[in-house]
Amino acid sequence: MSKTVTPYQNQQGTKKEQVADMFNNISKTYDFLNHFMSLGIDIIWRKKAINELKKDQPQLILDVATGTGDFAFEALSILKPKKIIGVDISQGMLDIAKQKIAKRGLSDKFEVKLGDSEKLPFNADEFDAVTVAYGVRNFEHLETGLADIHRVLKPGGKAVVLEFSKPRVFPVKQLYKFYFNYITPGIGKLFSKDARAYTYLPESVAAFPDGEAFTSLMQKAGFKNTKSRPLAFGICSIYTGIK
């Protein structure tokens, strides 16, 4: 496994505690910066990930690391499930999600709660599908988190993970590294009160076991038929697995 990268390396606290603090700090500017720094392409990637569940027609979905809820809102629109439950360790992010849910009148369809991805507050075999968008690299113990996602899925249920990965082709690899290591922290520093969060982003992506390394971890957690689908020359990847 790769070394553990934390948001605030000179501070006390576990990775989990630091990640919660970081997202609480950036919650108010998170959506804006997400779309701004990805030039809106993150919306297209989300739709591609959600479409992995279209033929499965899941009715009860768990969205882990739901953040401000954008992935879940998109899933509601595309998949039309009976309900989505979102969990996150950041109360600040969930507060934004709750405001959006109320504004859109979706409280009967989308519910959020504070929760730990490694100790999900749900019974075994409960959900038709579990999604995680840009959240697994923030897990403190990746294998534990994947095992718990597997636990709460119904037999035959599908997990869909959308996460940044590392492009390996010239010149995308070089441009990506330059943008992520120099431009992203600069934009983050300009618009966010927590500049360190946007330095942690490229560090956490660099340390994340992407591609086949990640599908191997999914298999170790019990998933079958695991697949890795790179997007945009490998800037991002969609991973799927069946319980």
Protein backbone atom coordinates (compact mmCIF):
# COMPACT_ATOMS: atom_id res chain seq x y z
CA MET A 1 0.00 0.00 0.00
CA SER A 2 1.07 3.57 -0.58
CA LYS A 3 2.12 5.84 2.24
CA THR A 4 -0.59 7.70 4.11
CA VAL A 5 -0.96 11.31 2.99
CA THR A 6 -2.79 13.65 5.35
CA PRO A 7 -4.19 17.14 4.67
CA TYR A 8 -2.25 18.80 7.52
CA GLN A 9 0.99 16.91 7.88
CA ASN A 10 2.38 18.98 10.74
CA GLN A 11 -0.76 18.72 12.86
CA GLN A 12 -2.05 16.16 15.30
CA GLY A 13 -5.03 13.95 14.51
CA THR A 14 -5.76 10.93 12.34
CA LYS A 15 -6.20 11.22 8.59
CA LYS A 16 -9.94 10.81 9.13
CA GLU A 17 -10.10 13.71 11.59
CA GLN A 18 -7.96 15.92 9.35
CA VAL A 19 -10.06 15.14 6.25
CA ALA A 20 -13.23 16.06 8.17
CA ASP A 21 -11.62 19.35 9.29
CA MET A 22 -10.43 20.10 5.76
CA PHE A 23 -13.85 19.61 4.17
CA ASN A 24 -15.51 21.62 6.95
CA ASN A 25 -13.08 24.44 6.10
CA ILE A 26 -13.69 24.40 2.33
CA SER A 27 -17.39 23.44 2.27
CA LYS A 28 -18.65 26.89 1.25
CA THR A 29 -16.38 27.15 -1.81
CA TYR A 30 -16.17 23.43 -2.66
CA ASP A 31 -18.81 23.27 -5.42
CA PHE A 32 -17.60 26.42 -7.16
CA LEU A 33 -13.95 25.34 -7.13
CA ASN A 34 -14.78 21.79 -8.23
CA HIS A 35 -16.53 22.95 -11.40
CA PHE A 36 -14.13 25.84 -12.00
CA MET A 37 -10.92 23.81 -11.74
CA SER A 38 -12.23 20.92 -13.83
CA LEU A 39 -13.73 23.30 -16.43
CA GLY A 40 -17.06 21.58 -15.76
CA ILE A 41 -15.79 18.22 -17.03
CA ASP A 42 -16.43 16.70 -13.58
CA ILE A 43 -20.16 16.84 -14.39
CA ILE A 44 -19.64 14.69 -17.51
CA TRP A 45 -17.53 12.20 -15.52
CA ARG A 46 -20.25 11.92 -12.87
CA LYS A 47 -22.87 11.13 -15.53
CA LYS A 48 -20.66 8.42 -17.03
CA ALA A 49 -20.21 6.82 -13.60
CA ILE A 50 -23.95 6.93 -12.85
CA ASN A 51 -24.75 5.38 -16.23
CA GLU A 52 -22.87 2.26 -15.04
CA LEU A 53 -25.97 1.58 -12.90
CA LYS A 54 -28.63 2.28 -15.54
CA LYS A 55 -29.34 -1.32 -16.52
CA ASP A 56 -29.33 -2.41 -12.84
CA GLN A 57 -32.14 0.02 -11.91
CA PRO A 58 -31.20 0.19 -8.21
CA GLN A 59 -34.00 1.46 -5.96
CA LEU A 60 -32.04 2.06 -2.74
CA ILE A 61 -28.60 3.63 -3.20
CA LEU A 62 -25.94 4.56 -0.66
CA ASP A 63 -23.67 7.45 -1.66
CA VAL A 64 -20.51 7.28 0.47
CA ALA A 65 -18.52 10.51 0.96
CA THR A 66 -21.56 12.30 -0.46
CA GLY A 67 -20.14 15.76 0.28
CA THR A 68 -22.52 18.48 -0.89
CA GLY A 69 -24.64 15.88 -2.70
CA ASP A 70 -23.92 16.67 -6.37
CA PHE A 71 -23.34 13.03 -7.36
CA ALA A 72 -26.51 11.90 -5.57
CA PHE A 73 -28.62 14.65 -7.18
CA GLU A 74 -27.36 13.56 -10.60
CA ALA A 75 -28.10 9.91 -9.75
CA LEU A 76 -31.64 10.84 -8.72
CA SER A 77 -32.17 12.58 -12.04
CA ILE A 78 -30.75 9.78 -14.21
CA LEU A 79 -31.67 6.60 -12.32
CA LYS A 80 -34.96 7.61 -10.65
CA PRO A 81 -34.45 5.39 -7.58
CA LYS A 82 -36.90 5.34 -4.66
CA LYS A 83 -34.25 6.73 -2.31
CA ILE A 84 -30.61 7.72 -1.93
CA ILE A 85 -28.91 7.95 1.46
CA GLY A 86 -25.70 9.95 1.59
CA VAL A 87 -23.06 9.67 4.33
CA ASP A 88 -20.06 11.88 4.97
CA ILE A 89 -17.66 12.63 7.83
CA SER A 90 -17.87 16.40 7.26
CA GLN A 91 -20.82 18.14 8.89
CA GLY A 92 -19.95 21.31 6.95
CA MET A 93 -20.40 19.54 3.62
CA LEU A 94 -23.62 17.87 4.80
CA ASP A 95 -25.05 21.24 5.86
CA ILE A 96 -24.64 22.46 2.27
CA ALA A 97 -26.23 19.24 0.98
CA LYS A 98 -29.21 19.70 3.33
CA GLN A 99 -29.76 23.24 2.04
CA LYS A 100 -29.80 21.93 -1.54
CA ILE A 101 -32.20 19.09 -0.64
CA ALA A 102 -34.63 21.54 1.00
CA LYS A 103 -34.36 24.01 -1.89
CA ARG A 104 -35.15 21.27 -4.43
CA GLY A 105 -37.91 19.67 -2.34
CA LEU A 106 -36.24 16.26 -2.37
CA SER A 107 -36.27 15.35 1.33
CA ASP A 108 -38.39 12.26 0.61
CA LYS A 109 -35.87 11.04 -1.99
CA PHE A 110 -32.48 12.06 -0.59
CA GLU A 111 -31.40 11.86 3.03
CA VAL A 112 -27.94 12.62 4.42
CA LYS A 113 -26.29 11.64 7.68
CA LEU A 114 -22.94 11.95 9.40
CA GLY A 115 -21.12 8.68 9.02
CA ASP A 116 -17.75 6.97 8.82
CA SER A 117 -16.98 5.14 5.56
CA GLU A 118 -15.18 2.44 7.50
CA LYS A 119 -18.04 1.85 9.96
CA LEU A 120 -21.15 2.53 7.90
CA PRO A 121 -24.24 2.88 10.13
CA PHE A 122 -26.30 0.35 8.16
CA ASN A 123 -27.18 -3.33 8.22
CA ALA A 124 -25.54 -5.91 6.00
CA ASP A 125 -27.16 -6.60 2.61
CA GLU A 126 -29.17 -3.36 2.69
CA PHE A 127 -28.43 -1.45 -0.54
CA ASP A 128 -28.94 -2.24 -4.23
CA ALA A 129 -25.94 -0.08 -5.13
CA VAL A 130 -23.19 1.92 -3.43
CA THR A 131 -21.47 4.89 -5.07
CA VAL A 132 -18.36 6.86 -4.09
CA ALA A 133 -17.29 9.90 -6.12
CA TYR A 134 -13.85 11.34 -5.37
CA GLY A 135 -13.94 9.95 -1.85
CA VAL A 136 -12.02 6.67 -1.62
CA ARG A 137 -8.59 8.31 -1.73
CA ASN A 138 -9.56 10.11 1.49
CA PHE A 139 -10.31 6.86 3.36
CA GLU A 140 -7.88 6.35 6.21
CA HIS A 141 -7.95 2.57 5.79
CA LEU A 142 -8.89 1.87 2.18
CA GLU A 143 -9.31 -1.89 2.53
CA THR A 144 -11.54 -1.49 5.60
CA GLY A 145 -13.72 1.02 3.77
CA LEU A 146 -14.08 -1.25 0.72
CA ALA A 147 -14.94 -4.22 2.95
CA ASP A 148 -17.69 -2.22 4.67
CA ILE A 149 -19.11 -1.07 1.33
CA HIS A 150 -19.19 -4.74 0.34
CA ARG A 151 -20.94 -5.62 3.63
CA VAL A 152 -23.86 -3.19 3.18
CA LEU A 153 -24.50 -4.18 -0.46
CA LYS A 154 -27.17 -6.75 -1.24
CA PRO A 155 -25.89 -9.93 -2.94
CA GLY A 156 -25.66 -9.08 -6.63
CA GLY A 157 -25.51 -5.36 -5.82
CA LYS A 158 -22.99 -3.12 -7.58
CA ALA A 159 -20.40 -0.66 -6.29
CA VAL A 160 -19.38 2.24 -8.53
CA VAL A 161 -16.32 4.28 -7.61
CA LEU A 162 -15.28 7.45 -9.46
CA GLU A 163 -11.80 8.66 -8.57
CA PHE A 164 -8.86 10.64 -9.91
CA SER A 165 -6.10 8.53 -11.40
CA LYS A 166 -2.70 9.14 -12.94
CA PRO A 167 -2.49 9.56 -16.72
CA ARG A 168 0.48 7.74 -18.23
CA VAL A 169 0.61 9.01 -21.83
CA PHE A 170 2.60 11.95 -23.17
CA PRO A 171 1.78 14.86 -23.11
CA VAL A 172 -1.32 14.40 -20.92
CA LYS A 173 0.77 13.09 -18.01
CA GLN A 174 3.07 16.15 -18.06
CA LEU A 175 0.24 18.71 -18.48
CA TYR A 176 -1.81 17.03 -15.76
CA LYS A 177 1.08 17.06 -13.28
CA PHE A 178 1.79 20.71 -13.99
CA TYR A 179 -1.87 21.72 -13.60
CA PHE A 180 -2.42 19.66 -10.45
CA ASN A 181 0.84 20.61 -8.72
CA TYR A 182 1.02 24.30 -9.60
CA ILE A 183 -2.27 25.70 -10.94
CA THR A 184 -4.69 23.88 -8.61
CA PRO A 185 -3.02 24.97 -5.33
CA GLY A 186 -2.83 28.54 -6.65
CA ILE A 187 -6.54 28.67 -7.47
CA GLY A 188 -7.37 27.04 -4.16
CA LYS A 189 -5.30 29.60 -2.28
CA LEU A 190 -7.03 32.43 -4.14
CA PHE A 191 -10.62 31.35 -3.52
CA SER A 192 -10.50 29.16 -0.40
CA LYS A 193 -9.55 29.99 3.16
CA ASP A 194 -7.75 26.63 3.33
CA ALA A 195 -4.99 26.61 0.71
CA ARG A 196 -3.52 23.39 2.12
CA ALA A 197 -6.62 21.48 0.97
CA TYR A 198 -5.64 22.06 -2.66
CA THR A 199 -2.04 20.99 -2.08
CA TYR A 200 -3.32 17.81 -0.44
CA LEU A 201 -5.41 17.05 -3.55
CA PRO A 202 -2.49 16.26 -5.90
CA GLU A 203 -0.58 14.56 -3.08
CA SER A 204 -3.50 12.25 -2.29
CA VAL A 205 -3.98 11.40 -5.98
CA ALA A 206 -0.26 10.63 -6.38
CA ALA A 207 -0.37 8.28 -3.37
CA PHE A 208 -3.60 6.53 -4.41
CA PRO A 209 -3.32 2.96 -5.77
CA ASP A 210 -5.20 3.44 -9.04
CA GLY A 211 -5.97 1.15 -11.98
CA GLU A 212 -5.32 -2.55 -11.46
CA ALA A 213 -3.97 -1.90 -7.96
CA PHE A 214 -7.39 -0.60 -6.93
CA THR A 215 -9.41 -3.37 -8.60
CA SER A 216 -7.14 -5.86 -6.78
CA LEU A 217 -8.11 -4.23 -3.49
CA MET A 218 -11.79 -4.48 -4.48
CA GLN A 219 -11.32 -8.19 -5.17
CA LYS A 220 -9.61 -8.62 -1.82
CA ALA A 221 -12.67 -7.01 -0.19
CA GLY A 222 -14.89 -9.64 -1.85
CA PHE A 223 -16.02 -7.94 -5.08
CA LYS A 224 -16.43 -9.96 -8.27
CA ASN A 225 -16.32 -8.87 -11.93
CA THR A 226 -14.22 -5.83 -11.07
CA LYS A 227 -13.51 -3.40 -13.89
CA SER A 228 -11.46 -0.25 -14.33
CA ARG A 229 -12.47 2.27 -16.99
CA PRO A 230 -10.10 5.23 -17.53
CA LEU A 231 -11.62 8.54 -18.64
CA ALA A 232 -9.91 11.48 -20.35
CA PHE A 233 -6.60 9.64 -20.98
CA GLY A 234 -6.56 8.38 -17.38
CA ILE A 235 -7.13 11.65 -15.51
CA CYS A 236 -10.09 9.97 -13.87
CA SER A 237 -11.28 6.34 -13.61
CA ILE A 238 -14.55 4.51 -12.98
CA TYR A 239 -14.28 1.29 -11.01
CA THR A 240 -17.10 -1.23 -10.69
CA GLY A 241 -17.57 -4.46 -8.77
CA ILE A 242 -20.39 -6.85 -7.89
CA LYS A 243 -21.09 -8.46 -4.50
